[in-house]
Amino acid sequence: MRSFALPEDADGSKVTADYKDGVLHVHLPKSQKAKPKAIEIKVT
C-alpha cells in the first residue's frame, strides 16, 4: 500500500489512474484557479 498527499493545485475530484504492465500512472489535473491566464500586452 502506498499513499501520498496531493499538491494544492491538483483537482482531487478528477484524479484518474491506469495500471498496465506493472506500471501505475496517476493523472492529476490542475484546478482552474491554478492554470495560467493569458494576458494581452499591447506594444506601441
N, C-alpha and C. Protein backbone atom coordinates (compact mmCIF):
# COMPACT_ATOMS: atom_id res chain seq x y z
N MET A 1 0.85 -1.17 0.00
CA MET A 1 0.00 0.00 0.00
C MET A 1 0.89 1.24 0.00
N ARG A 2 0.55 2.21 -0.81
CA ARG A 2 1.29 3.48 -0.87
C ARG A 2 0.29 4.61 -0.71
N SER A 3 0.75 5.70 -0.17
CA SER A 3 -0.11 6.89 -0.06
C SER A 3 0.76 8.12 -0.25
N PHE A 4 0.14 9.21 -0.69
CA PHE A 4 0.84 10.47 -0.86
C PHE A 4 -0.17 11.60 -0.81
N ALA A 5 0.32 12.77 -0.52
CA ALA A 5 -0.53 13.95 -0.46
C ALA A 5 -0.61 14.59 -1.84
N LEU A 6 -1.78 15.06 -2.21
CA LEU A 6 -1.96 15.74 -3.49
C LEU A 6 -1.44 17.16 -3.39
N PRO A 7 -0.87 17.69 -4.48
CA PRO A 7 -0.45 19.09 -4.47
C PRO A 7 -1.68 20.00 -4.31
N GLU A 8 -1.47 21.19 -3.80
CA GLU A 8 -2.58 22.11 -3.56
C GLU A 8 -3.30 22.50 -4.85
N ASP A 9 -2.57 22.54 -5.98
CA ASP A 9 -3.19 22.97 -7.22
C ASP A 9 -3.83 21.83 -8.01
N ALA A 10 -3.87 20.61 -7.46
CA ALA A 10 -4.49 19.47 -8.14
C ALA A 10 -5.98 19.43 -7.82
N ASP A 11 -6.77 19.02 -8.81
CA ASP A 11 -8.21 18.87 -8.63
C ASP A 11 -8.48 17.43 -8.20
N GLY A 12 -8.66 17.21 -6.92
CA GLY A 12 -8.82 15.88 -6.36
C GLY A 12 -10.04 15.13 -6.85
N SER A 13 -11.05 15.82 -7.34
CA SER A 13 -12.26 15.15 -7.81
C SER A 13 -12.09 14.55 -9.21
N LYS A 14 -11.01 14.89 -9.92
CA LYS A 14 -10.81 14.41 -11.29
C LYS A 14 -9.56 13.54 -11.43
N VAL A 15 -9.09 12.96 -10.34
CA VAL A 15 -7.90 12.12 -10.38
C VAL A 15 -8.25 10.79 -11.05
N THR A 16 -7.40 10.34 -11.98
CA THR A 16 -7.58 9.05 -12.62
C THR A 16 -6.26 8.28 -12.54
N ALA A 17 -6.36 6.95 -12.66
CA ALA A 17 -5.16 6.13 -12.61
C ALA A 17 -5.31 4.95 -13.57
N ASP A 18 -4.19 4.55 -14.18
CA ASP A 18 -4.14 3.39 -15.07
C ASP A 18 -3.02 2.49 -14.58
N TYR A 19 -3.27 1.19 -14.63
CA TYR A 19 -2.25 0.21 -14.25
C TYR A 19 -2.06 -0.72 -15.44
N LYS A 20 -0.85 -0.70 -16.03
CA LYS A 20 -0.59 -1.53 -17.20
C LYS A 20 0.87 -2.00 -17.17
N ASP A 21 1.08 -3.25 -17.42
CA ASP A 21 2.42 -3.84 -17.46
C ASP A 21 3.24 -3.55 -16.20
N GLY A 22 2.58 -3.57 -15.05
CA GLY A 22 3.27 -3.36 -13.79
C GLY A 22 3.59 -1.91 -13.46
N VAL A 23 3.06 -0.97 -14.26
CA VAL A 23 3.33 0.46 -14.02
C VAL A 23 2.01 1.18 -13.72
N LEU A 24 1.98 1.91 -12.64
CA LEU A 24 0.81 2.70 -12.27
C LEU A 24 1.01 4.14 -12.72
N HIS A 25 0.11 4.64 -13.52
CA HIS A 25 0.13 6.04 -13.97
C HIS A 25 -1.02 6.77 -13.29
N VAL A 26 -0.71 7.80 -12.53
CA VAL A 26 -1.72 8.60 -11.84
C VAL A 26 -1.76 9.96 -12.52
N HIS A 27 -2.95 10.37 -12.93
CA HIS A 27 -3.14 11.64 -13.63
C HIS A 27 -3.83 12.63 -12.68
N LEU A 28 -3.16 13.76 -12.43
CA LEU A 28 -3.66 14.77 -11.51
C LEU A 28 -3.87 16.09 -12.28
N PRO A 29 -5.07 16.33 -12.78
CA PRO A 29 -5.28 17.59 -13.50
C PRO A 29 -5.24 18.78 -12.54
N LYS A 30 -4.74 19.90 -13.05
CA LYS A 30 -4.70 21.11 -12.23
C LYS A 30 -6.09 21.72 -12.14
N SER A 31 -6.37 22.39 -11.04
CA SER A 31 -7.64 23.08 -10.90
C SER A 31 -7.64 24.33 -11.77
N GLN A 32 -8.82 24.85 -12.04
CA GLN A 32 -8.94 26.02 -12.90
C GLN A 32 -8.18 27.22 -12.34
N LYS A 33 -8.19 27.39 -11.03
CA LYS A 33 -7.52 28.55 -10.45
C LYS A 33 -5.99 28.46 -10.55
N ALA A 34 -5.46 27.25 -10.76
CA ALA A 34 -4.01 27.07 -10.85
C ALA A 34 -3.48 27.23 -12.27
N LYS A 35 -4.36 27.20 -13.26
CA LYS A 35 -3.91 27.31 -14.65
C LYS A 35 -3.52 28.74 -14.96
N PRO A 36 -2.48 28.92 -15.76
CA PRO A 36 -2.03 30.27 -16.09
C PRO A 36 -3.07 31.01 -16.93
N LYS A 37 -3.10 32.31 -16.76
CA LYS A 37 -4.03 33.15 -17.51
C LYS A 37 -3.26 33.88 -18.60
N ALA A 38 -3.87 34.01 -19.76
CA ALA A 38 -3.26 34.75 -20.86
C ALA A 38 -3.58 36.24 -20.68
N ILE A 39 -2.55 37.04 -20.77
CA ILE A 39 -2.72 38.49 -20.64
C ILE A 39 -2.19 39.12 -21.90
N GLU A 40 -3.04 39.91 -22.55
CA GLU A 40 -2.61 40.58 -23.79
C GLU A 40 -1.88 41.87 -23.45
N ILE A 41 -0.72 42.04 -24.05
CA ILE A 41 0.08 43.25 -23.82
C ILE A 41 0.26 43.94 -25.16
N LYS A 42 -0.14 45.19 -25.20
CA LYS A 42 -0.02 45.96 -26.44
C LYS A 42 1.32 46.70 -26.43
N VAL A 43 2.05 46.57 -27.53
CA VAL A 43 3.33 47.22 -27.67
C VAL A 43 3.16 48.34 -28.68
N THR A 44 3.56 49.53 -28.28
CA THR A 44 3.42 50.67 -29.20
C THR A 44 4.75 51.20 -29.64
